[in-house]
Amino acid sequence: MNKEPLTDRAASARHARYGTLPERIRFEDMTEEVDAGRGGGAVSYNPEGSWKYYSCLALDLGL
């Protein structure tokens, strides 16, 4: 049984098949800062109407 390391041949075969990894994306490029006041006025929390959106599996199944 031949016990020579396969890392060089395996690495070159992997590189030939898949190429290189894409460049890393900086964290600053992944995030976007948005003003909290923009667009938030139309959607607000209404405690009187929140019961309409309550979901309970027992009630859905009629238990």
C-alpha atoms as a PDB file:
ATOM      1  CA  MET A   1       0.000   0.000   0.000  1.00  0.00           C
ATOM      2  CA  ASN A   2       1.455   3.363  -1.023  1.00  0.00           C
ATOM      3  CA  LYS A   3       1.358   5.899   1.854  1.00  0.00           C
ATOM      4  CA  GLU A   4       2.656   9.016   0.092  1.00  0.00           C
ATOM      5  CA  PRO A   5       0.783  12.244   0.909  1.00  0.00           C
ATOM      6  CA  LEU A   6      -1.868  13.133  -1.649  1.00  0.00           C
ATOM      7  CA  THR A   7      -2.214  16.755  -0.617  1.00  0.00           C
ATOM      8  CA  ASP A   8      -0.203  18.223  -3.506  1.00  0.00           C
ATOM      9  CA  ARG A   9      -1.920  16.168  -6.206  1.00  0.00           C
ATOM     10  CA  ALA A  10      -5.319  16.551  -4.559  1.00  0.00           C
ATOM     11  CA  ALA A  11      -4.873  20.277  -4.118  1.00  0.00           C
ATOM     12  CA  SER A  12      -3.808  20.783  -7.720  1.00  0.00           C
ATOM     13  CA  ALA A  13      -6.718  18.676  -8.985  1.00  0.00           C
ATOM     14  CA  ARG A  14      -9.145  20.665  -6.812  1.00  0.00           C
ATOM     15  CA  HIS A  15      -7.694  23.945  -8.019  1.00  0.00           C
ATOM     16  CA  ALA A  16      -7.918  22.812 -11.647  1.00  0.00           C
ATOM     17  CA  ARG A  17     -11.542  21.764 -11.214  1.00  0.00           C
ATOM     18  CA  TYR A  18     -12.934  24.576  -9.060  1.00  0.00           C
ATOM     19  CA  GLY A  19     -10.471  27.429  -9.467  1.00  0.00           C
ATOM     20  CA  THR A  20     -10.017  29.940  -6.680  1.00  0.00           C
ATOM     21  CA  LEU A  21     -12.413  31.214  -4.063  1.00  0.00           C
ATOM     22  CA  PRO A  22     -14.094  34.571  -4.662  1.00  0.00           C
ATOM     23  CA  GLU A  23     -12.723  37.610  -2.883  1.00  0.00           C
ATOM     24  CA  ARG A  24     -14.051  38.255   0.618  1.00  0.00           C
ATOM     25  CA  ILE A  25     -16.781  40.847   1.017  1.00  0.00           C
ATOM     26  CA  ARG A  26     -16.036  43.478   3.626  1.00  0.00           C
ATOM     27  CA  PHE A  27     -18.538  43.893   6.465  1.00  0.00           C
ATOM     28  CA  GLU A  28     -19.013  47.546   5.542  1.00  0.00           C
ATOM     29  CA  ASP A  29     -20.202  46.458   2.093  1.00  0.00           C
ATOM     30  CA  MET A  30     -22.768  44.038   3.565  1.00  0.00           C
ATOM     31  CA  THR A  31     -24.559  46.547   5.783  1.00  0.00           C
ATOM     32  CA  GLU A  32     -26.621  49.575   4.910  1.00  0.00           C
ATOM     33  CA  GLU A  33     -27.652  52.351   7.247  1.00  0.00           C
ATOM     34  CA  VAL A  34     -31.197  53.656   6.767  1.00  0.00           C
ATOM     35  CA  ASP A  35     -32.918  56.530   8.525  1.00  0.00           C
ATOM     36  CA  ALA A  36     -35.434  55.260  11.103  1.00  0.00           C
ATOM     37  CA  GLY A  37     -37.883  58.046  10.276  1.00  0.00           C
ATOM     38  CA  ARG A  38     -38.083  57.192   6.581  1.00  0.00           C
ATOM     39  CA  GLY A  39     -41.165  55.099   5.791  1.00  0.00           C
ATOM     40  CA  GLY A  40     -41.902  54.230   9.412  1.00  0.00           C
ATOM     41  CA  GLY A  41     -44.825  56.614   9.836  1.00  0.00           C
ATOM     42  CA  ALA A  42     -47.328  54.567   7.830  1.00  0.00           C
ATOM     43  CA  VAL A  43     -46.646  51.316   9.679  1.00  0.00           C
ATOM     44  CA  SER A  44     -47.159  51.551  13.413  1.00  0.00           C
ATOM     45  CA  TYR A  45     -48.110  49.212  16.234  1.00  0.00           C
ATOM     46  CA  ASN A  46     -51.805  49.184  17.076  1.00  0.00           C
ATOM     47  CA  PRO A  47     -52.514  47.271  20.308  1.00  0.00           C
ATOM     48  CA  GLU A  48     -56.285  47.317  19.681  1.00  0.00           C
ATOM     49  CA  GLY A  49     -55.948  45.543  16.347  1.00  0.00           C
ATOM     50  CA  SER A  50     -53.131  43.151  17.266  1.00  0.00           C
ATOM     51  CA  TRP A  51     -55.587  40.364  18.172  1.00  0.00           C
ATOM     52  CA  LYS A  52     -56.333  39.907  14.462  1.00  0.00           C
ATOM     53  CA  TYR A  53     -52.828  38.555  13.860  1.00  0.00           C
ATOM     54  CA  TYR A  54     -52.664  36.127  16.800  1.00  0.00           C
ATOM     55  CA  SER A  55     -51.947  32.586  15.677  1.00  0.00           C
ATOM     56  CA  CYS A  56     -52.448  29.550  17.868  1.00  0.00           C
ATOM     57  CA  LEU A  57     -52.114  25.984  16.564  1.00  0.00           C
ATOM     58  CA  ALA A  58     -54.687  24.671  19.084  1.00  0.00           C
ATOM     59  CA  LEU A  59     -57.276  27.201  17.861  1.00  0.00           C
ATOM     60  CA  ASP A  60     -56.437  26.461  14.207  1.00  0.00           C
ATOM     61  CA  LEU A  61     -57.058  22.749  14.825  1.00  0.00           C
ATOM     62  CA  GLY A  62     -60.295  23.443  16.719  1.00  0.00           C
ATOM     63  CA  LEU A  63     -59.091  21.986  19.996  1.00  0.00           C
END
